[in-house]
Amino acid sequence: MQLMTGQISLELTVLGYQFPEATDFYDANWLMVQLQMGTPWGLWTRVDPCLEVREAQRLLNWFQELERNFDFIAGWGTGHLDTSECFTEPNLEFKARGGQLIARFEGTVALEISFSHEFLPPFASELPYYADPDEEQVQQVYLRFYLTREQLKTLISQWQQDLAPFPERYSLDN
């Protein structure tokens, strides 16, 4: 999936299974995910096994649900409306935001992606971040993308293509 906001580009790509030869359900279904971030501070790439197949599929389902409810979320007129998807590994979190509390363009949904742990870039202090008063260093940053329905459909198509070669393997009974 490819996204752009201002001078920052983002690409998330599923590279393969963490353990291609594994026959155990739990080990067999972790995916290697590549994060590539192009910024004014340079190009940064990181690979980490941060999603299970089920989680990656759940994210696809969440994107599809956003698309089905796009008009509702984009048209939310008071307060704020949030829906989010997070995972076993805390490297990534996705939020879709609507309402008046989030500045956004008409006819768009604000997609906010948070990065932490292995996906925290070395230039984290240059990006928007969530501050924890008990921490001296930035622990989590986020990027906000304003998506039209067509852009969301493109993102869904890209993520489907990424996931297609990597179905869930084995079952809990094996």
C-alpha atoms as a PDB file:
ATOM      1  CA  MET A   1       0.000   0.000   0.000  1.00  0.00           C
ATOM      2  CA  GLN A   2       1.293   3.418  -0.955  1.00  0.00           C
ATOM      3  CA  LEU A   3       0.296   6.738   0.598  1.00  0.00           C
ATOM      4  CA  MET A   4       1.525  10.327   0.426  1.00  0.00           C
ATOM      5  CA  THR A   5       1.060  13.326   2.692  1.00  0.00           C
ATOM      6  CA  GLY A   6       2.915  16.578   2.109  1.00  0.00           C
ATOM      7  CA  GLN A   7       6.579  15.702   1.602  1.00  0.00           C
ATOM      8  CA  ILE A   8       6.284  12.239   3.161  1.00  0.00           C
ATOM      9  CA  SER A   9       5.601   9.048   1.239  1.00  0.00           C
ATOM     10  CA  LEU A  10       4.804   5.756   2.872  1.00  0.00           C
ATOM     11  CA  GLU A  11       4.838   2.242   1.516  1.00  0.00           C
ATOM     12  CA  LEU A  12       3.866  -0.898   3.427  1.00  0.00           C
ATOM     13  CA  THR A  13       4.606  -4.165   1.658  1.00  0.00           C
ATOM     14  CA  VAL A  14       4.191  -7.795   2.709  1.00  0.00           C
ATOM     15  CA  LEU A  15       7.421  -9.545   1.726  1.00  0.00           C
ATOM     16  CA  GLY A  16       6.605 -13.088   2.799  1.00  0.00           C
ATOM     17  CA  TYR A  17       6.261 -15.410   5.734  1.00  0.00           C
ATOM     18  CA  GLN A  18       8.730 -14.995   8.585  1.00  0.00           C
ATOM     19  CA  PHE A  19       9.249 -18.756   8.692  1.00  0.00           C
ATOM     20  CA  PRO A  20       8.469 -20.126   5.190  1.00  0.00           C
ATOM     21  CA  GLU A  21       9.234 -23.725   6.199  1.00  0.00           C
ATOM     22  CA  ALA A  22       7.254 -23.693   9.462  1.00  0.00           C
ATOM     23  CA  THR A  23       4.485 -26.244   9.904  1.00  0.00           C
ATOM     24  CA  ASP A  24       3.210 -24.985  13.263  1.00  0.00           C
ATOM     25  CA  PHE A  25       0.165 -22.696  12.950  1.00  0.00           C
ATOM     26  CA  TYR A  26       1.625 -19.931  15.109  1.00  0.00           C
ATOM     27  CA  ASP A  27       5.069 -19.809  13.512  1.00  0.00           C
ATOM     28  CA  ALA A  28       3.754 -20.403   9.998  1.00  0.00           C
ATOM     29  CA  ASN A  29       1.526 -17.318   9.881  1.00  0.00           C
ATOM     30  CA  TRP A  30       3.751 -14.393  10.810  1.00  0.00           C
ATOM     31  CA  LEU A  31       4.374 -12.020   7.905  1.00  0.00           C
ATOM     32  CA  MET A  32       7.477  -9.972   7.157  1.00  0.00           C
ATOM     33  CA  VAL A  33       6.319  -6.411   6.530  1.00  0.00           C
ATOM     34  CA  GLN A  34       8.482  -3.730   4.970  1.00  0.00           C
ATOM     35  CA  LEU A  35       7.920  -0.103   5.890  1.00  0.00           C
ATOM     36  CA  GLN A  36       9.488   2.427   3.579  1.00  0.00           C
ATOM     37  CA  MET A  37       9.201   6.094   4.449  1.00  0.00           C
ATOM     38  CA  GLY A  38      10.461   8.836   2.139  1.00  0.00           C
ATOM     39  CA  THR A  39      10.933  12.129   3.973  1.00  0.00           C
ATOM     40  CA  PRO A  40      12.854  15.395   3.784  1.00  0.00           C
ATOM     41  CA  TRP A  41      15.291  13.685   6.203  1.00  0.00           C
ATOM     42  CA  GLY A  42      15.953  10.827   3.816  1.00  0.00           C
ATOM     43  CA  LEU A  43      14.613   7.429   2.841  1.00  0.00           C
ATOM     44  CA  TRP A  44      14.134   5.002   5.713  1.00  0.00           C
ATOM     45  CA  THR A  45      13.319   1.311   5.364  1.00  0.00           C
ATOM     46  CA  ARG A  46      12.598  -1.251   8.043  1.00  0.00           C
ATOM     47  CA  VAL A  47      11.475  -4.892   7.838  1.00  0.00           C
ATOM     48  CA  ASP A  48       9.801  -6.621  10.773  1.00  0.00           C
ATOM     49  CA  PRO A  49       7.481  -9.603  11.357  1.00  0.00           C
ATOM     50  CA  CYS A  50       4.788  -7.377  12.839  1.00  0.00           C
ATOM     51  CA  LEU A  51       1.563  -8.878  11.451  1.00  0.00           C
ATOM     52  CA  GLU A  52       0.007 -12.296  11.501  1.00  0.00           C
ATOM     53  CA  VAL A  53      -1.914 -13.375   8.399  1.00  0.00           C
ATOM     54  CA  ARG A  54      -5.200 -13.050  10.311  1.00  0.00           C
ATOM     55  CA  GLU A  55      -4.305  -9.514  11.396  1.00  0.00           C
ATOM     56  CA  ALA A  56      -3.352  -8.473   7.863  1.00  0.00           C
ATOM     57  CA  GLN A  57      -6.666  -9.881   6.615  1.00  0.00           C
ATOM     58  CA  ARG A  58      -8.524  -8.135   9.440  1.00  0.00           C
ATOM     59  CA  LEU A  59      -6.903  -4.857   8.339  1.00  0.00           C
ATOM     60  CA  LEU A  60      -8.160  -5.485   4.803  1.00  0.00           C
ATOM     61  CA  ASN A  61     -11.662  -6.114   6.162  1.00  0.00           C
ATOM     62  CA  TRP A  62     -11.419  -2.894   8.195  1.00  0.00           C
ATOM     63  CA  PHE A  63     -10.439  -0.912   5.069  1.00  0.00           C
ATOM     64  CA  GLN A  64     -13.384  -2.459   3.216  1.00  0.00           C
ATOM     65  CA  GLU A  65     -15.728  -1.504   6.061  1.00  0.00           C
ATOM     66  CA  LEU A  66     -14.392   2.066   5.899  1.00  0.00           C
ATOM     67  CA  GLU A  67     -15.165   2.148   2.190  1.00  0.00           C
ATOM     68  CA  ARG A  68     -18.700   0.817   2.742  1.00  0.00           C
ATOM     69  CA  ASN A  69     -19.300   3.505   5.397  1.00  0.00           C
ATOM     70  CA  PHE A  70     -17.256   6.236   3.733  1.00  0.00           C
ATOM     71  CA  ASP A  71     -20.076   8.771   3.378  1.00  0.00           C
ATOM     72  CA  PHE A  72     -21.105   8.295   6.995  1.00  0.00           C
ATOM     73  CA  ILE A  73     -17.569   8.786   8.356  1.00  0.00           C
ATOM     74  CA  ALA A  74     -16.625  11.600   5.956  1.00  0.00           C
ATOM     75  CA  GLY A  75     -19.895  13.389   6.671  1.00  0.00           C
ATOM     76  CA  TRP A  76     -19.755  13.122  10.449  1.00  0.00           C
ATOM     77  CA  GLY A  77     -20.578  16.679  11.486  1.00  0.00           C
ATOM     78  CA  THR A  78     -20.204  16.983  15.240  1.00  0.00           C
ATOM     79  CA  GLY A  79     -17.580  16.100  17.791  1.00  0.00           C
ATOM     80  CA  HIS A  80     -15.423  13.310  16.504  1.00  0.00           C
ATOM     81  CA  LEU A  81     -15.762   9.773  15.249  1.00  0.00           C
ATOM     82  CA  ASP A  82     -12.894   7.267  15.476  1.00  0.00           C
ATOM     83  CA  THR A  83     -12.451   3.669  14.514  1.00  0.00           C
ATOM     84  CA  SER A  84      -9.127   1.876  14.834  1.00  0.00           C
ATOM     85  CA  GLU A  85      -7.273  -1.363  14.180  1.00  0.00           C
ATOM     86  CA  CYS A  86      -4.297  -2.510  16.253  1.00  0.00           C
ATOM     87  CA  PHE A  87      -2.342  -5.749  16.398  1.00  0.00           C
ATOM     88  CA  THR A  88      -0.395  -8.204  18.575  1.00  0.00           C
ATOM     89  CA  GLU A  89       2.861  -6.416  17.796  1.00  0.00           C
ATOM     90  CA  PRO A  90       2.458  -2.691  18.566  1.00  0.00           C
ATOM     91  CA  ASN A  91       4.527  -1.426  15.605  1.00  0.00           C
ATOM     92  CA  LEU A  92       1.475  -0.212  13.667  1.00  0.00           C
ATOM     93  CA  GLU A  93      -1.938   1.163  14.485  1.00  0.00           C
ATOM     94  CA  PHE A  94      -4.518   2.455  12.018  1.00  0.00           C
ATOM     95  CA  LYS A  95      -7.250   4.986  12.841  1.00  0.00           C
ATOM     96  CA  ALA A  96      -9.933   6.492  10.644  1.00  0.00           C
ATOM     97  CA  ARG A  97     -11.240   9.790  11.896  1.00  0.00           C
ATOM     98  CA  GLY A  98     -14.188  11.972  11.078  1.00  0.00           C
ATOM     99  CA  GLY A  99     -15.906  14.925  12.692  1.00  0.00           C
ATOM    100  CA  GLN A 100     -15.052  18.501  13.543  1.00  0.00           C
ATOM    101  CA  LEU A 101     -12.176  17.837  15.951  1.00  0.00           C
ATOM    102  CA  ILE A 102      -9.929  16.534  13.180  1.00  0.00           C
ATOM    103  CA  ALA A 103      -9.061  19.063  10.505  1.00  0.00           C
ATOM    104  CA  ARG A 104      -9.711  17.433   7.156  1.00  0.00           C
ATOM    105  CA  PHE A 105     -10.809  18.227   3.659  1.00  0.00           C
ATOM    106  CA  GLU A 106     -14.442  17.865   2.637  1.00  0.00           C
ATOM    107  CA  GLY A 107     -15.204  14.492   1.085  1.00  0.00           C
ATOM    108  CA  THR A 108     -12.283  12.772   2.789  1.00  0.00           C
ATOM    109  CA  VAL A 109     -11.625  10.499   5.718  1.00  0.00           C
ATOM    110  CA  ALA A 110      -8.537  11.117   7.821  1.00  0.00           C
ATOM    111  CA  LEU A 111      -6.488   7.909   8.002  1.00  0.00           C
ATOM    112  CA  GLU A 112      -3.942   8.109  10.774  1.00  0.00           C
ATOM    113  CA  ILE A 113      -1.175   5.501  10.962  1.00  0.00           C
ATOM    114  CA  SER A 114       0.913   5.309  14.124  1.00  0.00           C
ATOM    115  CA  PHE A 115       4.407   3.836  14.245  1.00  0.00           C
ATOM    116  CA  SER A 116       6.281   2.614  17.318  1.00  0.00           C
ATOM    117  CA  HIS A 117       8.862   0.114  18.507  1.00  0.00           C
ATOM    118  CA  GLU A 118      10.671  -1.412  15.493  1.00  0.00           C
ATOM    119  CA  PHE A 119       8.818   0.949  13.138  1.00  0.00           C
ATOM    120  CA  LEU A 120       9.792   4.117  15.019  1.00  0.00           C
ATOM    121  CA  PRO A 121      11.992   6.030  12.547  1.00  0.00           C
ATOM    122  CA  PRO A 122      15.298   7.605  13.588  1.00  0.00           C
ATOM    123  CA  PHE A 123      13.861  11.057  12.785  1.00  0.00           C
ATOM    124  CA  ALA A 124      10.830  10.480  15.029  1.00  0.00           C
ATOM    125  CA  SER A 125      11.185  13.857  16.758  1.00  0.00           C
ATOM    126  CA  GLU A 126      10.631  15.566  13.376  1.00  0.00           C
ATOM    127  CA  LEU A 127       7.213  13.927  12.893  1.00  0.00           C
ATOM    128  CA  PRO A 128       3.933  14.488  14.737  1.00  0.00           C
ATOM    129  CA  TYR A 129       3.985  12.360  17.857  1.00  0.00           C
ATOM    130  CA  TYR A 130       2.046  11.437  20.934  1.00  0.00           C
ATOM    131  CA  ALA A 131       3.828  12.745  23.998  1.00  0.00           C
ATOM    132  CA  ASP A 132       4.116  10.774  27.201  1.00  0.00           C
ATOM    133  CA  PRO A 133       5.131  13.134  30.009  1.00  0.00           C
ATOM    134  CA  ASP A 134       6.956  10.280  31.778  1.00  0.00           C
ATOM    135  CA  GLU A 135       9.153   9.529  28.756  1.00  0.00           C
ATOM    136  CA  GLU A 136      12.096  11.604  27.594  1.00  0.00           C
ATOM    137  CA  GLN A 137      12.132  10.177  24.090  1.00  0.00           C
ATOM    138  CA  VAL A 138       9.422   9.976  21.466  1.00  0.00           C
ATOM    139  CA  GLN A 139       7.763   6.552  21.706  1.00  0.00           C
ATOM    140  CA  GLN A 140       5.134   6.783  18.935  1.00  0.00           C
ATOM    141  CA  VAL A 141       4.703   8.960  15.849  1.00  0.00           C
ATOM    142  CA  TYR A 142       1.850   9.223  13.415  1.00  0.00           C
ATOM    143  CA  LEU A 143       1.145  10.322   9.877  1.00  0.00           C
ATOM    144  CA  ARG A 144      -2.264  11.517   8.745  1.00  0.00           C
ATOM    145  CA  PHE A 145      -3.509  10.930   5.217  1.00  0.00           C
ATOM    146  CA  TYR A 146      -6.697  12.476   3.816  1.00  0.00           C
ATOM    147  CA  LEU A 147      -8.297   9.887   1.559  1.00  0.00           C
ATOM    148  CA  THR A 148     -11.086  10.257  -0.940  1.00  0.00           C
ATOM    149  CA  ARG A 149     -13.265   7.215  -1.596  1.00  0.00           C
ATOM    150  CA  GLU A 150     -11.282   6.488  -4.791  1.00  0.00           C
ATOM    151  CA  GLN A 151      -7.972   6.663  -2.940  1.00  0.00           C
ATOM    152  CA  LEU A 152      -9.340   4.286  -0.303  1.00  0.00           C
ATOM    153  CA  LYS A 153     -10.436   1.867  -3.047  1.00  0.00           C
ATOM    154  CA  THR A 154      -6.907   1.989  -4.490  1.00  0.00           C
ATOM    155  CA  LEU A 155      -5.426   1.297  -1.058  1.00  0.00           C
ATOM    156  CA  ILE A 156      -7.779  -1.691  -0.642  1.00  0.00           C
ATOM    157  CA  SER A 157      -6.763  -3.070  -4.033  1.00  0.00           C
ATOM    158  CA  GLN A 158      -3.051  -2.673  -3.231  1.00  0.00           C
ATOM    159  CA  TRP A 159      -3.401  -4.415   0.138  1.00  0.00           C
ATOM    160  CA  GLN A 160      -5.433  -7.268  -1.429  1.00  0.00           C
ATOM    161  CA  GLN A 161      -2.682  -7.792  -3.999  1.00  0.00           C
ATOM    162  CA  ASP A 162      -0.048  -7.794  -1.267  1.00  0.00           C
ATOM    163  CA  LEU A 163      -1.901 -10.396   0.791  1.00  0.00           C
ATOM    164  CA  ALA A 164      -2.977 -12.720  -2.030  1.00  0.00           C
ATOM    165  CA  PRO A 165       0.263 -14.774  -2.139  1.00  0.00           C
ATOM    166  CA  PHE A 166       0.230 -15.283   1.643  1.00  0.00           C
ATOM    167  CA  PRO A 167      -2.885 -17.140   2.843  1.00  0.00           C
ATOM    168  CA  GLU A 168      -3.189 -18.508   6.344  1.00  0.00           C
ATOM    169  CA  ARG A 169      -1.357 -21.819   6.584  1.00  0.00           C
ATOM    170  CA  TYR A 170      -2.311 -24.872   8.587  1.00  0.00           C
ATOM    171  CA  SER A 171      -4.910 -24.881  11.307  1.00  0.00           C
ATOM    172  CA  LEU A 172      -4.845 -24.879  15.067  1.00  0.00           C
ATOM    173  CA  ASP A 173      -5.553 -28.616  14.941  1.00  0.00           C
ATOM    174  CA  ASN A 174      -2.198 -29.441  13.259  1.00  0.00           C
END
